[in-house]
């Protein structure tokens, strides 16, 4: 049988992890709220495959929290982990799905975060059977971010990237051997 204090501590640690994720998700949403009036070309993200299951998990967590507080009369500190999971599944995850992915005046909102144009060190298109994905490589961090572009927005996205490169909002100089005869707009 599992020790109750061990289970309590484990749920508290899991709750702390969910609290960090929740704070990040809320920060991203409020950042989007400030940026959305500068949108150039945006669209809604795709829902996760098991989105309804996530909402059901939230409902079960709400029932569990109510049971622990009302029936078992536990102190609220003993439902911290479940509460943070509830906040994630019922509030933070749906809020994150309201963030418009795409192109803004000052940068690109990829699947996971916003990348200012001056941090873009490289771009690449991946064309699949059902979707087109823009891979944005960060100049400052050693990582790449994905942006799934709907088929009807693909042409506009390429033109917009070409224009931003032409305006020198995005530039690739210094990322390889530059002999001066390369037009950066060809990267789009």
C-alpha atoms as a PDB file:
ATOM      1  CA  UNK A   1       0.000   0.000   0.000  1.00  0.00           C
ATOM      2  CA  UNK A   2       1.247   3.521  -0.820  1.00  0.00           C
ATOM      3  CA  UNK A   3       2.206   5.718   2.111  1.00  0.00           C
ATOM      4  CA  UNK A   4      -0.202   8.709   2.407  1.00  0.00           C
ATOM      5  CA  UNK A   5       2.549  11.247   3.103  1.00  0.00           C
ATOM      6  CA  UNK A   6       4.510  10.061   0.076  1.00  0.00           C
ATOM      7  CA  UNK A   7       1.409  10.383  -2.099  1.00  0.00           C
ATOM      8  CA  UNK A   8       0.694  13.857  -0.672  1.00  0.00           C
ATOM      9  CA  UNK A   9       4.233  15.012  -1.395  1.00  0.00           C
ATOM     10  CA  UNK A  10       4.149  13.554  -4.881  1.00  0.00           C
ATOM     11  CA  UNK A  11       0.881  15.352  -5.667  1.00  0.00           C
ATOM     12  CA  UNK A  12       2.333  18.566  -4.251  1.00  0.00           C
ATOM     13  CA  UNK A  13       5.400  18.307  -6.516  1.00  0.00           C
ATOM     14  CA  UNK A  14       3.210  17.552  -9.535  1.00  0.00           C
ATOM     15  CA  UNK A  15       1.038  20.521  -8.574  1.00  0.00           C
ATOM     16  CA  UNK A  16       4.109  22.771  -8.429  1.00  0.00           C
ATOM     17  CA  UNK A  17       5.022  21.667 -11.963  1.00  0.00           C
ATOM     18  CA  UNK A  18       1.507  22.384 -13.192  1.00  0.00           C
ATOM     19  CA  UNK A  19       1.609  25.785 -11.429  1.00  0.00           C
ATOM     20  CA  UNK A  20       4.699  26.735 -13.440  1.00  0.00           C
ATOM     21  CA  UNK A  21       3.067  25.577 -16.682  1.00  0.00           C
ATOM     22  CA  UNK A  22      -0.135  27.476 -15.813  1.00  0.00           C
ATOM     23  CA  UNK A  23       1.771  30.699 -15.127  1.00  0.00           C
ATOM     24  CA  UNK A  24       3.615  30.342 -18.427  1.00  0.00           C
ATOM     25  CA  UNK A  25       0.368  29.719 -20.304  1.00  0.00           C
ATOM     26  CA  UNK A  26      -1.330  32.753 -18.707  1.00  0.00           C
ATOM     27  CA  UNK A  27       1.728  34.902 -19.500  1.00  0.00           C
ATOM     28  CA  UNK A  28       1.613  33.770 -23.147  1.00  0.00           C
ATOM     29  CA  UNK A  29      -2.093  34.610 -23.378  1.00  0.00           C
ATOM     30  CA  UNK A  30      -1.695  38.091 -21.911  1.00  0.00           C
ATOM     31  CA  UNK A  31       1.264  38.698 -24.222  1.00  0.00           C
ATOM     32  CA  UNK A  32      -0.963  37.689 -27.140  1.00  0.00           C
ATOM     33  CA  UNK A  33      -3.660  40.099 -25.950  1.00  0.00           C
ATOM     34  CA  UNK A  34      -1.137  42.948 -26.192  1.00  0.00           C
ATOM     35  CA  UNK A  35       0.119  41.846 -29.624  1.00  0.00           C
ATOM     36  CA  UNK A  36      -3.116  40.882 -31.361  1.00  0.00           C
ATOM     37  CA  UNK A  37      -3.858  44.371 -32.690  1.00  0.00           C
ATOM     38  CA  UNK A  38      -0.556  44.174 -34.633  1.00  0.00           C
ATOM     39  CA  UNK A  39      -1.556  40.951 -36.382  1.00  0.00           C
ATOM     40  CA  UNK A  40      -0.728  40.731 -40.083  1.00  0.00           C
ATOM     41  CA  UNK A  41      -1.766  37.151 -40.872  1.00  0.00           C
ATOM     42  CA  UNK A  42      -3.058  34.865 -38.122  1.00  0.00           C
ATOM     43  CA  UNK A  43      -5.203  31.772 -37.643  1.00  0.00           C
ATOM     44  CA  UNK A  44      -6.345  29.595 -34.779  1.00  0.00           C
ATOM     45  CA  UNK A  45      -4.294  26.581 -33.739  1.00  0.00           C
ATOM     46  CA  UNK A  46      -5.509  23.042 -34.191  1.00  0.00           C
ATOM     47  CA  UNK A  47      -7.091  21.444 -31.150  1.00  0.00           C
ATOM     48  CA  UNK A  48      -5.125  18.624 -29.574  1.00  0.00           C
ATOM     49  CA  UNK A  49      -6.349  15.169 -30.638  1.00  0.00           C
ATOM     50  CA  UNK A  50      -7.715  14.361 -27.168  1.00  0.00           C
ATOM     51  CA  UNK A  51      -9.066  17.814 -26.291  1.00  0.00           C
ATOM     52  CA  UNK A  52     -12.426  16.525 -25.002  1.00  0.00           C
ATOM     53  CA  UNK A  53     -10.630  13.972 -22.852  1.00  0.00           C
ATOM     54  CA  UNK A  54      -8.653  16.818 -21.262  1.00  0.00           C
ATOM     55  CA  UNK A  55     -11.918  18.566 -20.384  1.00  0.00           C
ATOM     56  CA  UNK A  56     -13.269  15.333 -18.883  1.00  0.00           C
ATOM     57  CA  UNK A  57     -10.103  14.967 -16.803  1.00  0.00           C
ATOM     58  CA  UNK A  58     -10.769  18.499 -15.545  1.00  0.00           C
ATOM     59  CA  UNK A  59     -14.331  17.566 -14.608  1.00  0.00           C
ATOM     60  CA  UNK A  60     -13.152  14.474 -12.719  1.00  0.00           C
ATOM     61  CA  UNK A  61     -10.543  16.559 -10.902  1.00  0.00           C
ATOM     62  CA  UNK A  62     -13.240  19.067  -9.889  1.00  0.00           C
ATOM     63  CA  UNK A  63     -15.331  16.232  -8.418  1.00  0.00           C
ATOM     64  CA  UNK A  64     -12.272  14.824  -6.629  1.00  0.00           C
ATOM     65  CA  UNK A  65     -11.414  18.231  -5.132  1.00  0.00           C
ATOM     66  CA  UNK A  66     -14.997  18.730  -3.985  1.00  0.00           C
ATOM     67  CA  UNK A  67     -15.009  15.258  -2.407  1.00  0.00           C
ATOM     68  CA  UNK A  68     -11.745  15.860  -0.556  1.00  0.00           C
ATOM     69  CA  UNK A  69     -12.839  19.263   0.750  1.00  0.00           C
ATOM     70  CA  UNK A  70     -16.536  18.689   1.476  1.00  0.00           C
ATOM     71  CA  UNK A  71     -16.767  15.017   2.401  1.00  0.00           C
ATOM     72  CA  UNK A  72     -13.318  14.181   3.790  1.00  0.00           C
ATOM     73  CA  UNK A  73     -12.961  17.702   5.247  1.00  0.00           C
ATOM     74  CA  UNK A  74      -9.283  17.918   4.294  1.00  0.00           C
ATOM     75  CA  UNK A  75      -7.341  21.142   4.547  1.00  0.00           C
ATOM     76  CA  UNK A  76      -7.048  22.963   1.159  1.00  0.00           C
ATOM     77  CA  UNK A  77      -3.270  22.433   1.142  1.00  0.00           C
ATOM     78  CA  UNK A  78      -3.976  18.740   0.523  1.00  0.00           C
ATOM     79  CA  UNK A  79      -5.666  19.461  -2.823  1.00  0.00           C
ATOM     80  CA  UNK A  80      -3.000  21.803  -4.241  1.00  0.00           C
ATOM     81  CA  UNK A  81      -1.784  19.308  -6.859  1.00  0.00           C
ATOM     82  CA  UNK A  82      -5.261  18.439  -8.070  1.00  0.00           C
ATOM     83  CA  UNK A  83      -6.231  22.131  -8.149  1.00  0.00           C
ATOM     84  CA  UNK A  84      -3.255  23.053 -10.344  1.00  0.00           C
ATOM     85  CA  UNK A  85      -4.101  20.189 -12.700  1.00  0.00           C
ATOM     86  CA  UNK A  86      -7.725  21.376 -12.794  1.00  0.00           C
ATOM     87  CA  UNK A  87      -6.618  24.925 -13.645  1.00  0.00           C
ATOM     88  CA  UNK A  88      -4.458  23.582 -16.460  1.00  0.00           C
ATOM     89  CA  UNK A  89      -7.041  21.289 -18.051  1.00  0.00           C
ATOM     90  CA  UNK A  90     -10.057  23.573 -17.662  1.00  0.00           C
ATOM     91  CA  UNK A  91      -8.594  27.090 -17.963  1.00  0.00           C
ATOM     92  CA  UNK A  92      -4.979  27.300 -19.167  1.00  0.00           C
ATOM     93  CA  UNK A  93      -5.172  24.783 -22.026  1.00  0.00           C
ATOM     94  CA  UNK A  94      -8.346  26.271 -23.594  1.00  0.00           C
ATOM     95  CA  UNK A  95      -6.913  29.779 -23.124  1.00  0.00           C
ATOM     96  CA  UNK A  96      -3.783  28.749 -25.021  1.00  0.00           C
ATOM     97  CA  UNK A  97      -5.976  27.638 -27.913  1.00  0.00           C
ATOM     98  CA  UNK A  98      -7.257  31.213 -28.286  1.00  0.00           C
ATOM     99  CA  UNK A  99      -3.798  32.519 -29.172  1.00  0.00           C
ATOM    100  CA  UNK A 100      -3.626  33.376 -32.869  1.00  0.00           C
ATOM    101  CA  UNK A 101      -0.681  31.656 -34.553  1.00  0.00           C
ATOM    102  CA  UNK A 102       1.010  33.387 -37.434  1.00  0.00           C
ATOM    103  CA  UNK A 103       2.620  36.688 -38.328  1.00  0.00           C
ATOM    104  CA  UNK A 104       2.575  39.919 -36.379  1.00  0.00           C
ATOM    105  CA  UNK A 105       4.153  43.311 -36.925  1.00  0.00           C
ATOM    106  CA  UNK A 106       7.131  42.418 -34.716  1.00  0.00           C
ATOM    107  CA  UNK A 107       7.471  38.660 -35.025  1.00  0.00           C
ATOM    108  CA  UNK A 108       6.092  35.186 -35.610  1.00  0.00           C
ATOM    109  CA  UNK A 109       3.896  33.342 -33.133  1.00  0.00           C
ATOM    110  CA  UNK A 110       4.888  29.702 -33.531  1.00  0.00           C
ATOM    111  CA  UNK A 111       3.143  26.723 -31.943  1.00  0.00           C
ATOM    112  CA  UNK A 112       4.813  27.256 -28.567  1.00  0.00           C
ATOM    113  CA  UNK A 113       5.968  30.868 -28.353  1.00  0.00           C
ATOM    114  CA  UNK A 114       6.531  34.250 -29.973  1.00  0.00           C
ATOM    115  CA  UNK A 115       9.773  34.869 -31.888  1.00  0.00           C
ATOM    116  CA  UNK A 116      10.693  38.481 -32.736  1.00  0.00           C
ATOM    117  CA  UNK A 117      11.896  38.937 -36.318  1.00  0.00           C
ATOM    118  CA  UNK A 118      15.333  40.109 -35.160  1.00  0.00           C
ATOM    119  CA  UNK A 119      15.870  36.733 -33.434  1.00  0.00           C
ATOM    120  CA  UNK A 120      15.106  34.703 -36.583  1.00  0.00           C
ATOM    121  CA  UNK A 121      18.335  33.174 -37.834  1.00  0.00           C
ATOM    122  CA  UNK A 122      16.875  30.867 -40.451  1.00  0.00           C
ATOM    123  CA  UNK A 123      13.647  29.536 -41.900  1.00  0.00           C
ATOM    124  CA  UNK A 124      12.696  26.391 -43.730  1.00  0.00           C
ATOM    125  CA  UNK A 125       9.461  25.053 -45.178  1.00  0.00           C
ATOM    126  CA  UNK A 126       8.385  21.429 -44.710  1.00  0.00           C
ATOM    127  CA  UNK A 127       5.594  20.381 -47.027  1.00  0.00           C
ATOM    128  CA  UNK A 128       3.688  17.305 -45.911  1.00  0.00           C
ATOM    129  CA  UNK A 129       0.671  15.538 -47.337  1.00  0.00           C
ATOM    130  CA  UNK A 130      -1.937  17.485 -45.355  1.00  0.00           C
ATOM    131  CA  UNK A 131      -0.078  20.480 -43.963  1.00  0.00           C
ATOM    132  CA  UNK A 132       2.770  22.888 -44.509  1.00  0.00           C
ATOM    133  CA  UNK A 133       5.085  23.684 -41.613  1.00  0.00           C
ATOM    134  CA  UNK A 134       7.378  26.662 -41.261  1.00  0.00           C
ATOM    135  CA  UNK A 135      10.470  25.888 -39.205  1.00  0.00           C
ATOM    136  CA  UNK A 136      11.864  29.037 -37.551  1.00  0.00           C
ATOM    137  CA  UNK A 137      15.415  28.795 -36.256  1.00  0.00           C
ATOM    138  CA  UNK A 138      16.331  31.150 -33.446  1.00  0.00           C
ATOM    139  CA  UNK A 139      19.472  33.260 -33.741  1.00  0.00           C
ATOM    140  CA  UNK A 140      19.848  33.630 -29.947  1.00  0.00           C
ATOM    141  CA  UNK A 141      18.881  30.182 -28.725  1.00  0.00           C
ATOM    142  CA  UNK A 142      20.018  26.941 -30.245  1.00  0.00           C
ATOM    143  CA  UNK A 143      16.529  25.688 -31.081  1.00  0.00           C
ATOM    144  CA  UNK A 144      13.883  25.671 -33.760  1.00  0.00           C
ATOM    145  CA  UNK A 145      10.144  26.302 -33.465  1.00  0.00           C
ATOM    146  CA  UNK A 146       7.344  25.001 -35.682  1.00  0.00           C
ATOM    147  CA  UNK A 147       4.421  26.878 -37.165  1.00  0.00           C
ATOM    148  CA  UNK A 148       1.787  24.837 -38.978  1.00  0.00           C
ATOM    149  CA  UNK A 149       0.405  26.983 -41.804  1.00  0.00           C
ATOM    150  CA  UNK A 150      -3.069  26.209 -43.207  1.00  0.00           C
ATOM    151  CA  UNK A 151      -3.086  25.545 -46.946  1.00  0.00           C
ATOM    152  CA  UNK A 152      -5.206  28.597 -47.755  1.00  0.00           C
ATOM    153  CA  UNK A 153      -2.711  30.875 -45.927  1.00  0.00           C
ATOM    154  CA  UNK A 154       0.467  29.357 -47.415  1.00  0.00           C
ATOM    155  CA  UNK A 155       0.881  31.794 -50.320  1.00  0.00           C
ATOM    156  CA  UNK A 156       0.180  34.842 -48.156  1.00  0.00           C
ATOM    157  CA  UNK A 157       2.640  33.574 -45.526  1.00  0.00           C
ATOM    158  CA  UNK A 158       5.415  33.181 -48.125  1.00  0.00           C
ATOM    159  CA  UNK A 159       4.752  36.685 -49.502  1.00  0.00           C
ATOM    160  CA  UNK A 160       4.720  38.169 -46.016  1.00  0.00           C
ATOM    161  CA  UNK A 161       8.020  36.508 -45.136  1.00  0.00           C
ATOM    162  CA  UNK A 162       9.534  37.714 -48.402  1.00  0.00           C
ATOM    163  CA  UNK A 163       8.399  41.272 -47.625  1.00  0.00           C
ATOM    164  CA  UNK A 164       9.808  41.127 -44.076  1.00  0.00           C
ATOM    165  CA  UNK A 165      13.134  39.900 -45.437  1.00  0.00           C
ATOM    166  CA  UNK A 166      13.044  42.698 -48.041  1.00  0.00           C
ATOM    167  CA  UNK A 167      12.428  45.259 -45.273  1.00  0.00           C
ATOM    168  CA  UNK A 168      15.418  43.758 -43.400  1.00  0.00           C
ATOM    169  CA  UNK A 169      13.234  42.874 -40.408  1.00  0.00           C
ATOM    170  CA  UNK A 170      14.559  39.336 -40.957  1.00  0.00           C
ATOM    171  CA  UNK A 171      18.099  38.959 -42.198  1.00  0.00           C
ATOM    172  CA  UNK A 172      20.341  35.969 -42.537  1.00  0.00           C
ATOM    173  CA  UNK A 173      23.713  37.653 -42.971  1.00  0.00           C
ATOM    174  CA  UNK A 174      26.340  36.336 -40.638  1.00  0.00           C
ATOM    175  CA  UNK A 175      24.803  32.849 -40.628  1.00  0.00           C
ATOM    176  CA  UNK A 176      27.041  31.404 -43.324  1.00  0.00           C
ATOM    177  CA  UNK A 177      29.457  32.308 -46.101  1.00  0.00           C
ATOM    178  CA  UNK A 178      28.200  35.628 -47.516  1.00  0.00           C
ATOM    179  CA  UNK A 179      29.718  36.471 -50.909  1.00  0.00           C
ATOM    180  CA  UNK A 180      27.313  39.349 -51.576  1.00  0.00           C
ATOM    181  CA  UNK A 181      25.482  37.844 -54.550  1.00  0.00           C
ATOM    182  CA  UNK A 182      22.689  36.199 -52.567  1.00  0.00           C
ATOM    183  CA  UNK A 183      19.204  37.704 -52.285  1.00  0.00           C
ATOM    184  CA  UNK A 184      17.883  36.882 -48.791  1.00  0.00           C
ATOM    185  CA  UNK A 185      14.286  37.055 -50.052  1.00  0.00           C
ATOM    186  CA  UNK A 186      14.902  33.768 -51.864  1.00  0.00           C
ATOM    187  CA  UNK A 187      14.927  32.096 -48.421  1.00  0.00           C
ATOM    188  CA  UNK A 188      11.177  32.681 -48.089  1.00  0.00           C
END
